[in-house]
N, C-alpha and C. Protein backbone atom coordinates (compact mmCIF):
# COMPACT_ATOMS: atom_id res chain seq x y z
N UNK A 1 2.42 8.94 13.80
CA UNK A 1 3.50 9.89 13.84
C UNK A 1 4.40 9.51 15.02
N UNK A 2 5.67 9.44 14.78
CA UNK A 2 6.60 9.09 15.85
C UNK A 2 7.50 10.30 16.13
N UNK A 3 7.66 10.62 17.41
CA UNK A 3 8.52 11.74 17.80
C UNK A 3 9.42 11.30 18.96
N UNK A 4 10.63 10.90 18.64
CA UNK A 4 11.59 10.52 19.66
C UNK A 4 11.69 9.02 19.85
N UNK A 5 12.77 8.62 20.52
CA UNK A 5 13.05 7.21 20.74
C UNK A 5 11.93 6.52 21.50
N UNK A 6 11.39 7.18 22.52
CA UNK A 6 10.34 6.57 23.34
C UNK A 6 9.11 6.23 22.49
N UNK A 7 8.90 6.96 21.40
CA UNK A 7 7.74 6.72 20.54
C UNK A 7 8.06 5.73 19.41
N UNK A 8 9.28 5.20 19.43
CA UNK A 8 9.66 4.23 18.41
C UNK A 8 10.19 4.84 17.13
N UNK A 9 10.56 6.13 17.18
CA UNK A 9 11.09 6.78 15.99
C UNK A 9 12.42 6.13 15.60
N UNK A 10 12.51 5.68 14.35
CA UNK A 10 13.70 4.95 13.91
C UNK A 10 14.66 5.81 13.09
N UNK A 11 14.25 6.99 12.69
CA UNK A 11 15.13 7.90 11.95
C UNK A 11 15.01 9.28 12.57
N UNK A 12 16.13 10.03 12.62
CA UNK A 12 16.13 11.31 13.34
C UNK A 12 15.59 12.49 12.53
N UNK A 13 14.40 12.37 12.00
CA UNK A 13 13.71 13.47 11.33
C UNK A 13 12.21 13.15 11.34
N UNK A 14 11.41 14.11 10.91
CA UNK A 14 9.98 13.88 10.88
C UNK A 14 9.73 12.64 10.02
N UNK A 15 8.99 11.73 10.56
CA UNK A 15 8.86 10.41 9.93
C UNK A 15 7.45 9.90 10.15
N UNK A 16 6.73 9.65 9.08
CA UNK A 16 5.35 9.20 9.19
C UNK A 16 5.15 7.96 8.33
N UNK A 17 4.44 6.99 8.85
CA UNK A 17 4.05 5.82 8.07
C UNK A 17 2.54 5.90 7.86
N UNK A 18 2.12 5.72 6.64
CA UNK A 18 0.69 5.66 6.34
C UNK A 18 0.39 4.23 5.94
N UNK A 19 -0.44 3.57 6.73
CA UNK A 19 -0.77 2.18 6.48
C UNK A 19 -2.27 2.11 6.21
N UNK A 20 -2.64 1.96 4.92
CA UNK A 20 -4.07 1.85 4.63
C UNK A 20 -4.65 0.63 5.34
N UNK A 21 -5.82 0.79 5.91
CA UNK A 21 -6.45 -0.31 6.65
C UNK A 21 -7.85 -0.53 6.12
N UNK A 22 -8.24 -1.79 6.02
CA UNK A 22 -9.55 -2.15 5.53
C UNK A 22 -10.10 -3.27 6.38
N UNK A 23 -11.40 -3.30 6.54
CA UNK A 23 -12.04 -4.35 7.32
C UNK A 23 -11.64 -5.73 6.83
N UNK A 24 -11.58 -5.90 5.52
CA UNK A 24 -11.34 -7.22 4.98
C UNK A 24 -9.91 -7.70 5.16
N UNK A 25 -8.98 -6.86 5.61
CA UNK A 25 -7.61 -7.36 5.79
C UNK A 25 -7.48 -8.23 7.04
N UNK A 26 -8.46 -8.13 7.95
CA UNK A 26 -8.54 -8.97 9.14
C UNK A 26 -7.31 -8.91 10.06
N UNK A 27 -6.51 -7.87 9.96
CA UNK A 27 -5.36 -7.76 10.84
C UNK A 27 -5.70 -7.05 12.15
N UNK A 28 -6.60 -6.09 12.11
CA UNK A 28 -6.86 -5.29 13.30
C UNK A 28 -5.54 -4.68 13.79
N UNK A 29 -5.39 -4.56 15.10
CA UNK A 29 -4.14 -4.02 15.64
C UNK A 29 -2.98 -5.00 15.49
N UNK A 30 -3.27 -6.23 15.09
CA UNK A 30 -2.22 -7.22 14.86
C UNK A 30 -1.25 -6.81 13.76
N UNK A 31 -1.63 -5.83 12.93
CA UNK A 31 -0.74 -5.38 11.86
C UNK A 31 0.57 -4.86 12.45
N UNK A 32 0.49 -4.24 13.63
CA UNK A 32 1.70 -3.68 14.24
C UNK A 32 2.65 -4.78 14.69
N UNK A 33 2.11 -5.86 15.24
CA UNK A 33 2.95 -7.00 15.61
C UNK A 33 3.58 -7.62 14.37
N UNK A 34 2.80 -7.73 13.31
CA UNK A 34 3.30 -8.31 12.07
C UNK A 34 4.43 -7.46 11.50
N UNK A 35 4.26 -6.15 11.49
CA UNK A 35 5.31 -5.27 10.98
C UNK A 35 6.55 -5.34 11.85
N UNK A 36 6.36 -5.33 13.17
CA UNK A 36 7.50 -5.38 14.08
C UNK A 36 8.26 -6.70 13.93
N UNK A 37 7.52 -7.78 13.80
CA UNK A 37 8.14 -9.09 13.65
C UNK A 37 9.01 -9.16 12.39
N UNK A 38 8.60 -8.45 11.36
CA UNK A 38 9.31 -8.48 10.08
C UNK A 38 10.15 -7.23 9.83
N UNK A 39 10.37 -6.43 10.88
CA UNK A 39 11.05 -5.15 10.73
C UNK A 39 12.42 -5.26 10.07
N UNK A 40 13.19 -6.27 10.43
CA UNK A 40 14.54 -6.39 9.89
C UNK A 40 14.57 -6.99 8.49
N UNK A 41 13.43 -7.42 8.01
CA UNK A 41 13.40 -8.07 6.71
C UNK A 41 12.19 -7.60 5.90
N UNK A 42 11.88 -6.31 5.99
CA UNK A 42 10.67 -5.81 5.32
C UNK A 42 10.73 -5.95 3.81
N UNK A 43 11.93 -5.82 3.24
CA UNK A 43 12.02 -5.91 1.79
C UNK A 43 11.49 -7.25 1.29
N UNK A 44 11.98 -8.36 1.85
CA UNK A 44 11.49 -9.65 1.37
C UNK A 44 10.05 -9.89 1.81
N UNK A 45 9.66 -9.35 2.97
CA UNK A 45 8.27 -9.44 3.42
C UNK A 45 7.34 -8.82 2.39
N UNK A 46 7.65 -7.60 1.93
CA UNK A 46 6.81 -6.94 0.95
C UNK A 46 6.88 -7.60 -0.42
N UNK A 47 8.03 -8.17 -0.76
CA UNK A 47 8.14 -8.87 -2.04
C UNK A 47 7.18 -10.04 -2.11
N UNK A 48 6.84 -10.64 -0.96
CA UNK A 48 5.88 -11.73 -0.94
C UNK A 48 4.46 -11.25 -1.20
N UNK A 49 4.17 -9.98 -0.93
CA UNK A 49 2.81 -9.46 -1.02
C UNK A 49 2.60 -8.46 -2.15
N UNK A 50 3.67 -7.96 -2.73
CA UNK A 50 3.55 -6.91 -3.74
C UNK A 50 4.19 -7.34 -5.05
N UNK A 51 3.63 -6.83 -6.13
CA UNK A 51 4.25 -7.08 -7.43
C UNK A 51 5.54 -6.27 -7.50
N UNK A 52 6.59 -6.84 -8.11
CA UNK A 52 7.83 -6.07 -8.25
C UNK A 52 7.60 -4.85 -9.14
N UNK A 53 8.24 -3.77 -8.78
CA UNK A 53 8.13 -2.53 -9.53
C UNK A 53 9.41 -2.33 -10.32
N UNK A 54 9.28 -2.25 -11.61
CA UNK A 54 10.44 -2.02 -12.46
C UNK A 54 10.48 -0.54 -12.80
N UNK A 55 11.58 0.09 -12.49
CA UNK A 55 11.74 1.52 -12.78
C UNK A 55 12.84 1.66 -13.81
N UNK A 56 12.47 2.19 -14.96
CA UNK A 56 13.43 2.37 -16.03
C UNK A 56 14.25 3.63 -15.80
N UNK A 57 15.44 3.64 -16.34
CA UNK A 57 16.25 4.86 -16.35
C UNK A 57 15.53 5.90 -17.20
N UNK A 58 15.72 7.17 -16.89
CA UNK A 58 15.02 8.22 -17.63
C UNK A 58 15.24 8.11 -19.14
N UNK A 59 16.46 7.79 -19.56
CA UNK A 59 16.76 7.69 -21.00
C UNK A 59 16.03 6.53 -21.66
N UNK A 60 15.63 5.52 -20.87
CA UNK A 60 14.95 4.35 -21.43
C UNK A 60 13.43 4.48 -21.43
N UNK A 61 12.94 5.53 -20.80
CA UNK A 61 11.49 5.72 -20.72
C UNK A 61 10.96 6.27 -22.04
N UNK A 62 9.82 5.75 -22.46
CA UNK A 62 9.19 6.22 -23.69
C UNK A 62 7.89 6.93 -23.33
N UNK A 63 7.60 8.03 -24.01
CA UNK A 63 6.35 8.74 -23.72
C UNK A 63 5.15 7.84 -23.99
N UNK A 64 4.12 7.99 -23.16
CA UNK A 64 2.88 7.25 -23.37
C UNK A 64 1.90 8.14 -24.11
N UNK A 65 1.12 7.52 -24.93
CA UNK A 65 0.13 8.29 -25.68
C UNK A 65 -1.05 8.63 -24.78
N UNK A 66 -1.84 9.58 -25.20
CA UNK A 66 -3.05 9.95 -24.47
C UNK A 66 -3.99 8.75 -24.40
N UNK A 67 -4.06 7.96 -25.46
CA UNK A 67 -4.92 6.78 -25.48
C UNK A 67 -4.48 5.77 -24.41
N UNK A 68 -3.20 5.53 -24.28
CA UNK A 68 -2.68 4.60 -23.27
C UNK A 68 -3.00 5.12 -21.86
N UNK A 69 -2.79 6.42 -21.65
CA UNK A 69 -3.07 6.99 -20.33
C UNK A 69 -4.56 6.92 -20.02
N UNK A 70 -5.43 7.12 -21.02
CA UNK A 70 -6.88 7.03 -20.81
C UNK A 70 -7.27 5.60 -20.48
N UNK A 71 -6.67 4.63 -21.18
CA UNK A 71 -6.94 3.22 -20.88
C UNK A 71 -6.54 2.89 -19.44
N UNK A 72 -5.39 3.38 -19.01
CA UNK A 72 -4.94 3.15 -17.63
C UNK A 72 -5.91 3.77 -16.63
N UNK A 73 -6.34 4.98 -16.95
CA UNK A 73 -7.28 5.68 -16.07
C UNK A 73 -8.60 4.91 -15.96
N UNK A 74 -9.09 4.42 -17.08
CA UNK A 74 -10.34 3.64 -17.06
C UNK A 74 -10.17 2.36 -16.25
N UNK A 75 -9.04 1.68 -16.44
CA UNK A 75 -8.77 0.45 -15.71
C UNK A 75 -8.70 0.72 -14.21
N UNK A 76 -7.97 1.77 -13.81
CA UNK A 76 -7.85 2.10 -12.38
C UNK A 76 -9.21 2.48 -11.79
N UNK A 77 -10.00 3.20 -12.55
CA UNK A 77 -11.33 3.59 -12.08
C UNK A 77 -12.19 2.36 -11.81
N UNK A 78 -12.15 1.40 -12.71
CA UNK A 78 -12.91 0.16 -12.54
C UNK A 78 -12.40 -0.62 -11.33
N UNK A 79 -11.09 -0.71 -11.20
CA UNK A 79 -10.51 -1.43 -10.05
C UNK A 79 -10.94 -0.78 -8.74
N UNK A 80 -10.92 0.54 -8.67
CA UNK A 80 -11.33 1.24 -7.46
C UNK A 80 -12.81 1.01 -7.17
N UNK A 81 -13.64 1.07 -8.18
CA UNK A 81 -15.07 0.82 -7.99
C UNK A 81 -15.30 -0.59 -7.44
N UNK A 82 -14.60 -1.59 -8.00
CA UNK A 82 -14.73 -2.97 -7.53
C UNK A 82 -14.26 -3.11 -6.09
N UNK A 83 -13.15 -2.46 -5.76
CA UNK A 83 -12.61 -2.52 -4.41
C UNK A 83 -13.61 -1.92 -3.41
N UNK A 84 -14.16 -0.77 -3.74
CA UNK A 84 -15.12 -0.12 -2.85
C UNK A 84 -16.37 -0.98 -2.70
N UNK A 85 -16.82 -1.61 -3.78
CA UNK A 85 -17.98 -2.50 -3.70
C UNK A 85 -17.69 -3.67 -2.76
N UNK A 86 -16.48 -4.25 -2.87
CA UNK A 86 -16.11 -5.35 -1.97
C UNK A 86 -16.12 -4.88 -0.52
N UNK A 87 -15.60 -3.69 -0.27
CA UNK A 87 -15.61 -3.16 1.09
C UNK A 87 -17.03 -2.97 1.59
N UNK A 88 -17.88 -2.42 0.75
CA UNK A 88 -19.28 -2.22 1.14
C UNK A 88 -19.96 -3.55 1.43
N UNK A 89 -19.70 -4.56 0.56
CA UNK A 89 -20.29 -5.90 0.78
C UNK A 89 -19.80 -6.50 2.09
N UNK A 90 -18.52 -6.36 2.40
CA UNK A 90 -17.97 -6.89 3.65
C UNK A 90 -18.59 -6.18 4.85
N UNK A 91 -18.78 -4.87 4.74
CA UNK A 91 -19.36 -4.11 5.84
C UNK A 91 -20.81 -4.54 6.09
N UNK A 92 -21.53 -4.77 5.00
CA UNK A 92 -22.93 -5.22 5.14
C UNK A 92 -22.98 -6.58 5.82
N UNK A 93 -22.09 -7.48 5.44
CA UNK A 93 -22.05 -8.82 6.04
C UNK A 93 -21.70 -8.77 7.52
N UNK A 94 -20.83 -7.83 7.90
CA UNK A 94 -20.39 -7.78 9.29
C UNK A 94 -21.42 -7.11 10.21
N UNK A 95 -22.40 -6.44 9.63
CA UNK A 95 -23.42 -5.76 10.46
C UNK A 95 -24.60 -6.61 10.62
């Protein structure tokens, strides 16, 4: 949470950044240096690490069926389980 210029607040309103952190990212506190170094070019920085997100206009959006939403939910659940297992495995290795 940043409050005021001295705290590094870059916009004049309540402003919070949530940065998920995991043991396996190996950044430690170095994430802050990395973000600061790329502050003026965050868009291209994130494009290197994230899949592009395509957002359709409301008129172009088509309703999804319950079956499609269930498939997505199952896929996300499996991905989350795998991610948590990887984290647990990394934690076991580091201890």
